[in-house]
Amino acid sequence: MKTEYKMYQAMIMGPFKGDIGDLCLKTKLSELQTNKIISNWYTSELDQQVERNQKFCQMITIFDKDYPVQLRESYCPPLVMFFEGDRSLLQTKMLGVVGARKNTSYGRQCTNNIIPAAVEQKITVVSGLAAGIDGLSHQAAIEAGGRTIGIIGTGLDLNYPSVNDELRFDMSRNQLVLTEYPLGSRPFRSHFPERNRIIAGLCETLLVVEAKEKSGSLITASLSLQENLNVCAIPGRIDAPMSAGCNQLILAGAKPVLCTEDLVEEFRN
């Protein structure tokens, strides 16, 4: 096992003053669960994976001084995040933007109108680099001369979805792309709700542009509300399926964004 990995393992186990078995006891796992974890912890395959990520990835751990404080204090913060780009963006004011993958022209227009106003206030736009509103929000921030962070649900060596390949390439060099998944991790469906908690944990305010009645965007909004963060939504027609989720959020207490000022004032102390 690599010396660096031993050091990192010691950092993880340090607060528990023991090894992985002690950690399992602290979390009150069953004997069966404990044995499974221990048998998979000390393997050559895991050692090789750790070595590969250490060699080819930059990473930030929960023990680093520049790990975002708000994320550290959120629900289930990632212990390690792998990244490409400018990690200093994690120390800026951040706005989360989520919305429908199959957005309408209305959603595109709202995104392109509102994001530049956030950029003018030196606010970093955070989204999921997915198709639709995510990609549009990243692109709008870049075109306005601003900063943006993409939180992805795969390893850094995989591009998903392919529609954003060029955008992802640009952001990995000039902005920031972040993931909690090691190299080789595929875009499993479960990764995306998990990814959403990082978006919610990083941001001071979350904006939902378009969302169906049941969607991943509403999962992110729910996580933000649980963290007592500001949740804003763009209202739409009551008969428009892509506005149903936003209208429901507003009914539940989210702030309706009717103009750019409604969003920008959320960042004023």
Protein backbone atom coordinates (compact mmCIF):
# COMPACT_ATOMS: atom_id res chain seq x y z
CA MET A 1 0.00 0.00 0.00
CA LYS A 2 1.32 3.42 -0.93
CA THR A 3 2.69 5.58 1.87
CA GLU A 4 0.43 8.46 0.84
CA TYR A 5 -2.63 6.24 1.11
CA LYS A 6 -1.56 5.06 4.54
CA MET A 7 -1.31 8.70 5.59
CA TYR A 8 -4.74 9.47 4.13
CA GLN A 9 -6.22 6.41 5.84
CA ALA A 10 -4.74 7.63 9.12
CA MET A 11 -6.41 11.01 8.55
CA ILE A 12 -9.78 9.37 8.05
CA MET A 13 -9.38 7.07 11.04
CA GLY A 14 -7.68 9.61 13.28
CA PRO A 15 -10.86 11.02 14.89
CA PHE A 16 -11.90 7.47 15.77
CA LYS A 17 -8.49 6.48 17.20
CA GLY A 18 -8.64 3.08 15.56
CA ASP A 19 -8.77 1.14 12.31
CA ILE A 20 -11.58 0.39 9.90
CA GLY A 21 -12.99 -2.25 12.25
CA ASP A 22 -13.26 0.32 15.04
CA LEU A 23 -15.02 2.69 12.67
CA CYS A 24 -17.58 0.01 11.84
CA LEU A 25 -18.21 -0.52 15.55
CA LYS A 26 -18.66 3.20 16.07
CA THR A 27 -21.31 3.28 13.36
CA LYS A 28 -23.06 0.26 14.90
CA LEU A 29 -22.98 -1.83 11.74
CA SER A 30 -23.99 -5.47 11.93
CA GLU A 31 -21.34 -8.20 12.05
CA LEU A 32 -22.16 -9.17 8.45
CA GLN A 33 -21.85 -5.59 7.21
CA THR A 34 -18.62 -5.10 9.15
CA ASN A 35 -17.05 -8.24 7.68
CA LYS A 36 -18.01 -7.15 4.15
CA ILE A 37 -16.42 -3.74 4.61
CA ILE A 38 -13.23 -5.14 6.15
CA SER A 39 -12.83 -7.80 3.45
CA ASN A 40 -13.13 -5.14 0.72
CA TRP A 41 -10.98 -2.52 2.45
CA TYR A 42 -7.67 -4.39 2.31
CA THR A 43 -7.47 -5.52 -1.32
CA SER A 44 -4.91 -5.08 -4.07
CA GLU A 45 -7.68 -3.82 -6.36
CA LEU A 46 -8.47 -0.97 -3.97
CA ASP A 47 -4.76 -0.18 -3.60
CA GLN A 48 -4.43 0.04 -7.39
CA GLN A 49 -7.47 2.28 -7.68
CA VAL A 50 -6.17 4.62 -4.96
CA GLU A 51 -2.75 4.76 -6.63
CA ARG A 52 -4.31 5.54 -10.01
CA ASN A 53 -6.40 8.40 -8.64
CA GLN A 54 -3.45 9.81 -6.72
CA LYS A 55 -1.37 9.76 -9.90
CA PHE A 56 -3.86 11.24 -12.35
CA CYS A 57 -6.26 13.35 -10.25
CA GLN A 58 -6.11 16.43 -8.11
CA MET A 59 -8.18 16.07 -4.97
CA ILE A 60 -9.48 18.00 -2.01
CA THR A 61 -10.34 16.28 1.28
CA ILE A 62 -12.61 17.26 4.11
CA PHE A 63 -9.48 17.87 6.21
CA ASP A 64 -8.08 20.53 3.85
CA LYS A 65 -8.26 24.14 4.98
CA ASP A 66 -9.93 25.27 1.77
CA TYR A 67 -12.66 22.64 1.89
CA PRO A 68 -15.87 24.76 1.73
CA VAL A 69 -17.13 25.36 5.27
CA GLN A 70 -20.80 25.27 4.30
CA LEU A 71 -20.37 21.95 2.51
CA ARG A 72 -18.47 20.49 5.46
CA GLU A 73 -21.41 21.37 7.72
CA SER A 74 -24.05 20.01 5.33
CA TYR A 75 -25.72 16.62 5.27
CA CYS A 76 -23.28 13.80 4.41
CA PRO A 77 -20.40 15.90 3.02
CA PRO A 78 -18.05 14.00 0.68
CA LEU A 79 -14.76 13.03 2.34
CA VAL A 80 -12.87 13.40 -0.93
CA MET A 81 -13.60 15.33 -4.12
CA PHE A 82 -11.63 15.02 -7.34
CA PHE A 83 -11.34 18.08 -9.55
CA GLU A 84 -10.03 19.71 -12.71
CA GLY A 85 -9.57 23.46 -12.92
CA ASP A 86 -9.47 26.28 -10.41
CA ARG A 87 -10.19 25.07 -6.85
CA SER A 88 -10.15 28.66 -5.56
CA LEU A 89 -13.67 29.04 -6.97
CA LEU A 90 -14.83 27.03 -3.95
CA GLN A 91 -14.12 30.09 -1.80
CA THR A 92 -16.45 32.41 -3.75
CA LYS A 93 -20.12 33.29 -3.33
CA MET A 94 -22.10 30.59 -5.12
CA LEU A 95 -25.50 30.35 -6.75
CA GLY A 96 -26.86 26.90 -7.56
CA VAL A 97 -28.92 26.64 -10.74
CA VAL A 98 -30.93 23.55 -11.61
CA GLY A 99 -33.69 22.79 -14.05
CA ALA A 100 -35.16 20.56 -16.70
CA ARG A 101 -32.95 18.57 -19.06
CA LYS A 102 -35.52 19.06 -21.81
CA ASN A 103 -36.00 22.76 -21.26
CA THR A 104 -38.34 25.00 -23.23
CA SER A 105 -37.51 28.24 -25.00
CA TYR A 106 -38.94 30.00 -21.95
CA GLY A 107 -36.42 28.29 -19.69
CA ARG A 108 -33.57 29.18 -22.05
CA GLN A 109 -34.66 32.82 -22.18
CA CYS A 110 -34.96 33.09 -18.39
CA THR A 111 -31.53 31.51 -17.86
CA ASN A 112 -29.85 33.80 -20.37
CA ASN A 113 -31.49 36.86 -18.82
CA ILE A 114 -30.80 36.11 -15.16
CA ILE A 115 -27.32 34.54 -15.08
CA PRO A 116 -25.47 37.66 -16.36
CA ALA A 117 -26.93 39.66 -13.48
CA ALA A 118 -25.47 37.16 -11.00
CA VAL A 119 -22.12 37.31 -12.79
CA GLU A 120 -22.07 41.11 -12.42
CA GLN A 121 -22.23 40.58 -8.64
CA LYS A 122 -19.15 38.28 -8.74
CA ILE A 123 -21.33 35.25 -7.98
CA THR A 124 -20.12 31.84 -9.16
CA VAL A 125 -22.75 29.71 -10.89
CA VAL A 126 -22.87 26.07 -9.76
CA SER A 127 -24.77 23.40 -11.66
CA GLY A 128 -24.60 19.77 -12.72
CA LEU A 129 -23.20 19.95 -16.28
CA ALA A 130 -26.24 18.00 -17.47
CA ALA A 131 -28.19 18.66 -20.65
CA GLY A 132 -30.74 21.44 -20.60
CA ILE A 133 -30.79 24.17 -17.96
CA ASP A 134 -27.55 22.98 -16.32
CA GLY A 135 -25.51 23.38 -19.48
CA LEU A 136 -27.25 26.64 -20.37
CA SER A 137 -26.45 28.15 -16.98
CA HIS A 138 -22.76 27.23 -17.23
CA GLN A 139 -22.60 28.62 -20.77
CA ALA A 140 -24.40 31.83 -19.83
CA ALA A 141 -21.96 32.43 -16.98
CA ILE A 142 -18.94 31.91 -19.25
CA GLU A 143 -20.33 34.13 -22.02
CA ALA A 144 -20.94 36.88 -19.45
CA GLY A 145 -17.30 36.66 -18.36
CA GLY A 146 -18.12 34.96 -15.07
CA ARG A 147 -17.13 31.86 -13.14
CA THR A 148 -18.86 28.52 -12.94
CA ILE A 149 -18.50 25.12 -11.25
CA GLY A 150 -19.79 21.84 -12.67
CA ILE A 151 -20.62 18.99 -10.28
CA ILE A 152 -20.67 15.72 -12.21
CA GLY A 153 -21.90 12.21 -11.42
CA THR A 154 -19.04 10.25 -13.01
CA GLY A 155 -15.28 9.96 -12.75
CA LEU A 156 -13.23 12.75 -14.32
CA ASP A 157 -12.21 10.43 -17.16
CA LEU A 158 -15.79 10.07 -18.46
CA ASN A 159 -17.84 12.72 -20.25
CA TYR A 160 -21.58 12.56 -19.66
CA PRO A 161 -23.71 13.68 -21.35
CA SER A 162 -21.85 13.88 -24.65
CA VAL A 163 -23.86 16.93 -25.70
CA ASN A 164 -21.75 18.98 -23.26
CA ASP A 165 -18.34 17.58 -24.26
CA GLU A 166 -16.99 20.90 -25.52
CA LEU A 167 -18.37 22.81 -22.52
CA ARG A 168 -16.90 20.27 -20.11
CA PHE A 169 -13.49 20.50 -21.85
CA ASP A 170 -13.50 24.29 -21.48
CA MET A 171 -14.61 24.22 -17.84
CA SER A 172 -12.01 21.66 -16.80
CA ARG A 173 -9.31 24.11 -17.89
CA ASN A 174 -10.74 27.55 -17.23
CA GLN A 175 -13.41 27.00 -14.57
CA LEU A 176 -13.89 24.03 -12.18
CA VAL A 177 -15.26 20.51 -12.61
CA LEU A 178 -15.80 18.57 -9.40
CA THR A 179 -16.85 15.02 -8.50
CA GLU A 180 -16.81 12.68 -5.52
CA TYR A 181 -16.46 9.65 -7.80
CA PRO A 182 -13.04 8.15 -8.67
CA LEU A 183 -11.76 7.46 -12.16
CA GLY A 184 -13.77 4.87 -14.06
CA SER A 185 -17.05 5.63 -12.27
CA ARG A 186 -19.93 5.36 -14.72
CA PRO A 187 -23.08 7.53 -14.77
CA PHE A 188 -25.28 5.31 -12.61
CA ARG A 189 -28.73 6.71 -11.93
CA SER A 190 -28.10 6.79 -8.17
CA HIS A 191 -25.11 9.12 -8.63
CA PHE A 192 -27.21 12.08 -9.65
CA PRO A 193 -29.37 12.49 -6.53
CA GLU A 194 -26.12 12.05 -4.57
CA ARG A 195 -24.47 14.71 -6.71
CA ASN A 196 -27.37 17.06 -6.00
CA ARG A 197 -26.52 17.22 -2.30
CA ILE A 198 -23.12 18.71 -3.19
CA ILE A 199 -24.76 21.42 -5.27
CA ALA A 200 -27.11 22.18 -2.37
CA GLY A 201 -24.27 22.04 0.16
CA LEU A 202 -22.04 24.47 -1.72
CA CYS A 203 -24.52 27.21 -2.50
CA GLU A 204 -25.93 30.07 -0.51
CA THR A 205 -28.97 30.27 -2.78
CA LEU A 206 -30.55 27.79 -5.19
CA LEU A 207 -32.49 28.82 -8.27
CA VAL A 208 -34.87 26.39 -9.99
CA VAL A 209 -35.56 27.52 -13.55
CA GLU A 210 -37.84 24.80 -14.91
CA ALA A 211 -38.93 21.52 -13.33
CA LYS A 212 -41.60 18.91 -13.81
CA GLU A 213 -43.81 17.83 -10.94
CA LYS A 214 -41.38 15.03 -10.07
CA SER A 215 -37.78 15.75 -11.00
CA GLY A 216 -34.19 15.78 -9.82
CA SER A 217 -34.35 19.56 -9.56
CA LEU A 218 -36.97 19.24 -6.82
CA ILE A 219 -34.70 16.80 -4.98
CA THR A 220 -31.98 19.46 -4.96
CA ALA A 221 -34.49 22.08 -3.80
CA SER A 222 -35.66 19.80 -1.00
CA LEU A 223 -32.07 19.28 0.16
CA SER A 224 -31.50 23.04 0.11
CA LEU A 225 -34.61 23.64 2.22
CA GLN A 226 -33.41 21.02 4.72
CA GLU A 227 -30.14 22.96 4.99
CA ASN A 228 -32.13 26.20 5.60
CA LEU A 229 -30.81 27.77 2.41
CA ASN A 230 -32.54 30.26 0.15
CA VAL A 231 -34.61 28.60 -2.56
CA CYS A 232 -35.89 30.63 -5.50
CA ALA A 233 -37.96 29.54 -8.46
CA ILE A 234 -39.05 31.06 -11.73
CA PRO A 235 -42.84 30.90 -12.03
CA GLY A 236 -44.52 29.76 -15.21
CA ARG A 237 -47.93 29.12 -16.73
CA ILE A 238 -50.14 26.93 -14.60
CA ASP A 239 -50.79 24.62 -17.57
CA ALA A 240 -47.11 24.24 -18.54
CA PRO A 241 -45.66 20.85 -17.43
CA MET A 242 -42.12 22.25 -17.17
CA SER A 243 -43.29 24.95 -14.77
CA ALA A 244 -45.34 22.68 -12.48
CA GLY A 245 -42.43 21.96 -10.13
CA CYS A 246 -41.43 25.63 -9.85
CA ASN A 247 -45.01 26.72 -9.19
CA GLN A 248 -45.32 24.08 -6.47
CA LEU A 249 -42.08 25.27 -4.85
CA ILE A 250 -43.39 28.83 -4.79
CA LEU A 251 -46.65 27.62 -3.24
CA ALA A 252 -44.55 25.86 -0.58
CA GLY A 253 -42.63 29.04 0.26
CA ALA A 254 -39.83 29.40 -2.31
CA LYS A 255 -39.19 32.96 -3.45
CA PRO A 256 -40.58 33.73 -6.92
CA VAL A 257 -38.01 35.36 -9.20
CA LEU A 258 -39.80 37.86 -11.42
CA CYS A 259 -36.74 39.90 -12.36
CA THR A 260 -32.97 39.79 -11.90
CA GLU A 261 -33.14 42.02 -8.84
CA ASP A 262 -35.24 39.40 -7.00
CA LEU A 263 -32.33 36.98 -7.25
CA VAL A 264 -29.42 39.37 -6.71
CA GLU A 265 -30.88 40.75 -3.46
CA GLU A 266 -30.57 37.28 -1.91
CA PHE A 267 -26.80 37.81 -1.82
CA ARG A 268 -26.87 41.21 -0.13
CA ASN A 269 -26.08 41.22 3.59
